[in-house]
PDB file of all heavy atoms in Angstrom:
ATOM      1  N   PRO A   1    -166.297  25.214 115.287  1.00  0.00           N
ATOM      2  CA  PRO A   1    -166.971  24.068 115.801  1.00  0.00           C
ATOM      3  C   PRO A   1    -166.087  22.927 116.160  1.00  0.00           C
ATOM      4  O   PRO A   1    -164.979  22.827 115.659  1.00  0.00           O
ATOM      5  CB  PRO A   1    -168.093  23.692 114.766  1.00  0.00           C
ATOM      6  CG  PRO A   1    -167.519  24.138 113.601  1.00  0.00           C
ATOM      7  CD  PRO A   1    -166.609  25.336 113.794  1.00  0.00           C
ATOM      8  N   PRO A   2    -166.547  21.996 117.042  1.00  0.00           N
ATOM      9  CA  PRO A   2    -165.622  20.902 117.465  1.00  0.00           C
ATOM     10  C   PRO A   2    -165.314  19.979 116.338  1.00  0.00           C
ATOM     11  O   PRO A   2    -165.899  19.738 115.315  1.00  0.00           O
ATOM     12  CB  PRO A   2    -166.525  20.134 118.473  1.00  0.00           C
ATOM     13  CG  PRO A   2    -167.677  21.006 118.843  1.00  0.00           C
ATOM     14  CD  PRO A   2    -167.784  22.095 117.733  1.00  0.00           C
ATOM     15  N   ILE A   3    -164.071  19.497 116.497  1.00  0.00           N
ATOM     16  CA  ILE A   3    -163.540  18.319 115.605  1.00  0.00           C
ATOM     17  C   ILE A   3    -163.206  17.265 116.562  1.00  0.00           C
ATOM     18  O   ILE A   3    -162.483  17.351 117.508  1.00  0.00           O
ATOM     19  CB  ILE A   3    -162.262  18.934 115.001  1.00  0.00           C
ATOM     20  CG1 ILE A   3    -162.458  20.154 114.130  1.00  0.00           C
ATOM     21  CG2 ILE A   3    -161.557  17.821 114.134  1.00  0.00           C
ATOM     22  CD1 ILE A   3    -161.155  20.867 113.643  1.00  0.00           C
ATOM     23  N   LEU A   4    -163.742  16.017 116.197  1.00  0.00           N
ATOM     24  CA  LEU A   4    -163.340  14.879 116.828  1.00  0.00           C
ATOM     25  C   LEU A   4    -161.975  14.390 116.454  1.00  0.00           C
ATOM     26  O   LEU A   4    -161.666  14.337 115.392  1.00  0.00           O
ATOM     27  CB  LEU A   4    -164.470  13.726 116.717  1.00  0.00           C
ATOM     28  CG  LEU A   4    -165.778  13.931 117.140  1.00  0.00           C
ATOM     29  CD1 LEU A   4    -166.755  12.801 116.839  1.00  0.00           C
ATOM     30  CD2 LEU A   4    -165.784  14.311 118.668  1.00  0.00           C
ATOM     31  N   LEU A   5    -161.178  14.001 117.494  1.00  0.00           N
ATOM     32  CA  LEU A   5    -159.871  13.565 117.339  1.00  0.00           C
ATOM     33  C   LEU A   5    -159.794  12.034 117.006  1.00  0.00           C
ATOM     34  O   LEU A   5    -160.626  11.292 117.572  1.00  0.00           O
ATOM     35  CB  LEU A   5    -159.047  13.980 118.518  1.00  0.00           C
ATOM     36  CG  LEU A   5    -158.987  15.519 118.750  1.00  0.00           C
ATOM     37  CD1 LEU A   5    -158.190  15.837 119.947  1.00  0.00           C
ATOM     38  CD2 LEU A   5    -158.583  16.363 117.548  1.00  0.00           C
ATOM     39  N   PRO A   6    -158.705  11.639 116.357  1.00  0.00           N
ATOM     40  CA  PRO A   6    -158.556  10.194 115.974  1.00  0.00           C
ATOM     41  C   PRO A   6    -158.413   9.195 117.188  1.00  0.00           C
ATOM     42  O   PRO A   6    -158.647   8.047 117.064  1.00  0.00           O
ATOM     43  CB  PRO A   6    -157.260   9.999 115.139  1.00  0.00           C
ATOM     44  CG  PRO A   6    -156.931  11.476 114.866  1.00  0.00           C
ATOM     45  CD  PRO A   6    -157.672  12.430 115.851  1.00  0.00           C
ATOM     46  N   ASP A   7    -158.111   9.688 118.332  1.00  0.00           N
ATOM     47  CA  ASP A   7    -157.969   8.836 119.572  1.00  0.00           C
ATOM     48  C   ASP A   7    -159.312   8.535 120.199  1.00  0.00           C
ATOM     49  O   ASP A   7    -159.396   7.880 121.211  1.00  0.00           O
ATOM     50  CB  ASP A   7    -156.934   9.297 120.594  1.00  0.00           C
ATOM     51  CG  ASP A   7    -157.355  10.739 121.032  1.00  0.00           C
ATOM     52  OD1 ASP A   7    -158.141  11.384 120.499  1.00  0.00           O
ATOM     53  OD2 ASP A   7    -156.860  11.112 122.274  1.00  0.00           O
ATOM     54  N   SER A   8    -160.450   8.988 119.483  1.00  0.00           N
ATOM     55  CA  SER A   8    -161.756   8.666 120.028  1.00  0.00           C
ATOM     56  C   SER A   8    -162.091   7.254 119.585  1.00  0.00           C
ATOM     57  O   SER A   8    -162.215   6.986 118.415  1.00  0.00           O
ATOM     58  CB  SER A   8    -162.767   9.627 119.469  1.00  0.00           C
ATOM     59  OG  SER A   8    -162.485  10.967 119.929  1.00  0.00           O
ATOM     60  N   ARG A   9    -162.241   6.303 120.600  1.00  0.00           N
ATOM     61  CA  ARG A   9    -162.549   4.920 120.330  1.00  0.00           C
ATOM     62  C   ARG A   9    -162.896   4.288 121.702  1.00  0.00           C
ATOM     63  O   ARG A   9    -162.679   4.786 122.663  1.00  0.00           O
ATOM     64  CB  ARG A   9    -161.386   4.208 119.651  1.00  0.00           C
ATOM     65  CG  ARG A   9    -160.232   3.997 120.726  1.00  0.00           C
ATOM     66  CD  ARG A   9    -159.018   3.345 120.045  1.00  0.00           C
ATOM     67  NE  ARG A   9    -158.214   4.487 119.700  1.00  0.00           N
ATOM     68  CZ  ARG A   9    -157.150   4.391 118.877  1.00  0.00           C
ATOM     69  NH1 ARG A   9    -156.753   3.337 118.410  1.00  0.00           N
ATOM     70  NH2 ARG A   9    -156.494   5.428 118.635  1.00  0.00           N
ATOM     71  N   CYS A  10    -163.383   3.017 121.483  1.00  0.00           N
ATOM     72  CA  CYS A  10    -163.592   2.106 122.660  1.00  0.00           C
ATOM     73  C   CYS A  10    -162.686   0.939 122.564  1.00  0.00           C
ATOM     74  O   CYS A  10    -162.361   0.501 121.605  1.00  0.00           O
ATOM     75  CB  CYS A  10    -165.014   1.555 122.575  1.00  0.00           C
ATOM     76  SG  CYS A  10    -166.346   2.844 122.793  1.00  0.00           S
ATOM     77  N   THR A  11    -162.185   0.705 123.802  1.00  0.00           N
ATOM     78  CA  THR A  11    -161.249  -0.500 123.956  1.00  0.00           C
ATOM     79  C   THR A  11    -161.800  -1.451 124.950  1.00  0.00           C
ATOM     80  O   THR A  11    -161.894  -1.167 126.163  1.00  0.00           O
ATOM     81  CB  THR A  11    -159.893   0.087 124.431  1.00  0.00           C
ATOM     82  OG1 THR A  11    -159.487   1.024 123.583  1.00  0.00           O
ATOM     83  CG2 THR A  11    -158.879  -1.090 124.463  1.00  0.00           C
ATOM     84  N   PRO A  12    -162.194  -2.701 124.528  1.00  0.00           N
ATOM     85  CA  PRO A  12    -162.741  -3.722 125.534  1.00  0.00           C
ATOM     86  C   PRO A  12    -161.525  -4.191 126.381  1.00  0.00           C
ATOM     87  O   PRO A  12    -160.322  -4.158 126.014  1.00  0.00           O
ATOM     88  CB  PRO A  12    -163.034  -4.855 124.593  1.00  0.00           C
ATOM     89  CG  PRO A  12    -163.057  -4.330 123.208  1.00  0.00           C
ATOM     90  CD  PRO A  12    -162.145  -3.232 123.167  1.00  0.00           C
ATOM     91  N   GLY A  13    -161.923  -4.513 127.579  1.00  0.00           N
ATOM     92  CA  GLY A  13    -160.930  -5.066 128.561  1.00  0.00           C
ATOM     93  C   GLY A  13    -161.589  -5.500 129.809  1.00  0.00           C
ATOM     94  O   GLY A  13    -162.474  -4.861 130.310  1.00  0.00           O
ATOM     95  N   GLY A  14    -161.154  -6.602 130.400  1.00  0.00           N
ATOM     96  CA  GLY A  14    -161.687  -7.116 131.508  1.00  0.00           C
ATOM     97  C   GLY A  14    -163.223  -7.356 131.501  1.00  0.00           C
ATOM     98  O   GLY A  14    -163.646  -7.920 130.447  1.00  0.00           O
ATOM     99  N   GLU A  15    -163.883  -6.710 132.286  1.00  0.00           N
ATOM    100  CA  GLU A  15    -165.352  -6.937 132.329  1.00  0.00           C
ATOM    101  C   GLU A  15    -165.967  -5.655 131.841  1.00  0.00           C
ATOM    102  O   GLU A  15    -166.567  -4.863 132.655  1.00  0.00           O
ATOM    103  CB  GLU A  15    -165.947  -7.197 133.772  1.00  0.00           C
ATOM    104  CG  GLU A  15    -165.629  -8.627 134.206  1.00  0.00           C
ATOM    105  CD  GLU A  15    -166.400  -9.648 133.424  1.00  0.00           C
ATOM    106  OE1 GLU A  15    -167.549  -9.393 133.227  1.00  0.00           O
ATOM    107  OE2 GLU A  15    -165.827 -10.684 132.937  1.00  0.00           O
ATOM    108  N   GLY A  16    -165.823  -5.315 130.542  1.00  0.00           N
ATOM    109  CA  GLY A  16    -166.358  -4.123 130.010  1.00  0.00           C
ATOM    110  C   GLY A  16    -165.566  -3.437 128.932  1.00  0.00           C
ATOM    111  O   GLY A  16    -164.888  -4.163 128.188  1.00  0.00           O
ATOM    112  N   ALA A  17    -165.646  -2.086 128.870  1.00  0.00           N
ATOM    113  CA  ALA A  17    -164.806  -1.340 127.885  1.00  0.00           C
ATOM    114  C   ALA A  17    -164.599   0.065 128.428  1.00  0.00           C
ATOM    115  O   ALA A  17    -165.258   0.603 129.374  1.00  0.00           O
ATOM    116  CB  ALA A  17    -165.539  -1.381 126.513  1.00  0.00           C
ATOM    117  N   ARG A  18    -163.616   0.637 127.908  1.00  0.00           N
ATOM    118  CA  ARG A  18    -163.285   2.019 128.096  1.00  0.00           C
ATOM    119  C   ARG A  18    -163.307   2.758 126.782  1.00  0.00           C
ATOM    120  O   ARG A  18    -162.737   2.437 125.867  1.00  0.00           O
ATOM    121  CB  ARG A  18    -161.718   2.061 128.639  1.00  0.00           C
ATOM    122  CG  ARG A  18    -161.286   3.510 129.006  1.00  0.00           C
ATOM    123  CD  ARG A  18    -159.820   3.410 129.548  1.00  0.00           C
ATOM    124  NE  ARG A  18    -159.443   4.601 129.885  1.00  0.00           N
ATOM    125  CZ  ARG A  18    -158.729   5.520 129.177  1.00  0.00           C
ATOM    126  NH1 ARG A  18    -158.351   5.113 127.969  1.00  0.00           N
ATOM    127  NH2 ARG A  18    -158.303   6.629 129.649  1.00  0.00           N
ATOM    128  N   CYS A  19    -164.296   3.690 126.811  1.00  0.00           N
ATOM    129  CA  CYS A  19    -164.492   4.597 125.651  1.00  0.00           C
ATOM    130  C   CYS A  19    -163.993   6.001 125.861  1.00  0.00           C
ATOM    131  O   CYS A  19    -164.197   6.634 126.831  1.00  0.00           O
ATOM    132  CB  CYS A  19    -166.003   4.509 125.321  1.00  0.00           C
ATOM    133  SG  CYS A  19    -166.758   2.998 124.882  1.00  0.00           S
ATOM    134  N   VAL A  20    -163.250   6.518 124.864  1.00  0.00           N
ATOM    135  CA  VAL A  20    -162.713   7.845 124.890  1.00  0.00           C
ATOM    136  C   VAL A  20    -163.251   8.664 123.771  1.00  0.00           C
ATOM    137  O   VAL A  20    -163.326   8.173 122.671  1.00  0.00           O
ATOM    138  CB  VAL A  20    -161.104   7.647 124.726  1.00  0.00           C
ATOM    139  CG1 VAL A  20    -160.528   9.140 124.611  1.00  0.00           C
ATOM    140  CG2 VAL A  20    -160.533   6.940 125.820  1.00  0.00           C
ATOM    141  N   CYS A  21    -163.695   9.914 124.057  1.00  0.00           N
ATOM    142  CA  CYS A  21    -164.179  10.768 123.133  1.00  0.00           C
ATOM    143  C   CYS A  21    -163.450  12.155 123.292  1.00  0.00           C
ATOM    144  O   CYS A  21    -163.465  12.743 124.400  1.00  0.00           O
ATOM    145  CB  CYS A  21    -165.664  11.034 123.365  1.00  0.00           C
ATOM    146  SG  CYS A  21    -166.424  12.157 122.263  1.00  0.00           S
ATOM    147  N   SER A  22    -162.604  12.498 122.331  1.00  0.00           N
ATOM    148  CA  SER A  22    -161.720  13.667 122.404  1.00  0.00           C
ATOM    149  C   SER A  22    -162.208  14.679 121.276  1.00  0.00           C
ATOM    150  O   SER A  22    -162.291  14.273 120.202  1.00  0.00           O
ATOM    151  CB  SER A  22    -160.271  13.315 122.307  1.00  0.00           C
ATOM    152  OG  SER A  22    -159.811  12.656 123.341  1.00  0.00           O
ATOM    153  N   ALA A  23    -162.336  15.883 121.700  1.00  0.00           N
ATOM    154  CA  ALA A  23    -162.726  16.944 120.655  1.00  0.00           C
ATOM    155  C   ALA A  23    -161.936  18.234 120.967  1.00  0.00           C
ATOM    156  O   ALA A  23    -161.636  18.480 122.023  1.00  0.00           O
ATOM    157  CB  ALA A  23    -164.167  17.195 120.716  1.00  0.00           C
ATOM    158  N   SER A  24    -161.609  18.892 119.903  1.00  0.00           N
ATOM    159  CA  SER A  24    -160.965  20.208 119.937  1.00  0.00           C
ATOM    160  C   SER A  24    -161.816  21.299 119.312  1.00  0.00           C
ATOM    161  O   SER A  24    -162.511  20.985 118.367  1.00  0.00           O
ATOM    162  CB  SER A  24    -159.526  20.223 119.279  1.00  0.00           C
ATOM    163  OG  SER A  24    -158.706  19.399 119.870  1.00  0.00           O
ATOM    164  N   ALA A  25    -161.768  22.449 120.002  1.00  0.00           N
ATOM    165  CA  ALA A  25    -162.652  23.601 119.403  1.00  0.00           C
ATOM    166  C   ALA A  25    -162.211  24.828 120.130  1.00  0.00           C
ATOM    167  O   ALA A  25    -161.598  24.816 121.165  1.00  0.00           O
ATOM    168  CB  ALA A  25    -164.103  23.287 119.653  1.00  0.00           C
TER     169      ALA A  25
END
């Protein structure tokens, strides 16, 4: 089954944010 990776996070910037969701399986 999938494993979420540590680089999964949200980073605010400018007008909003960039969210990253990384998974391996």
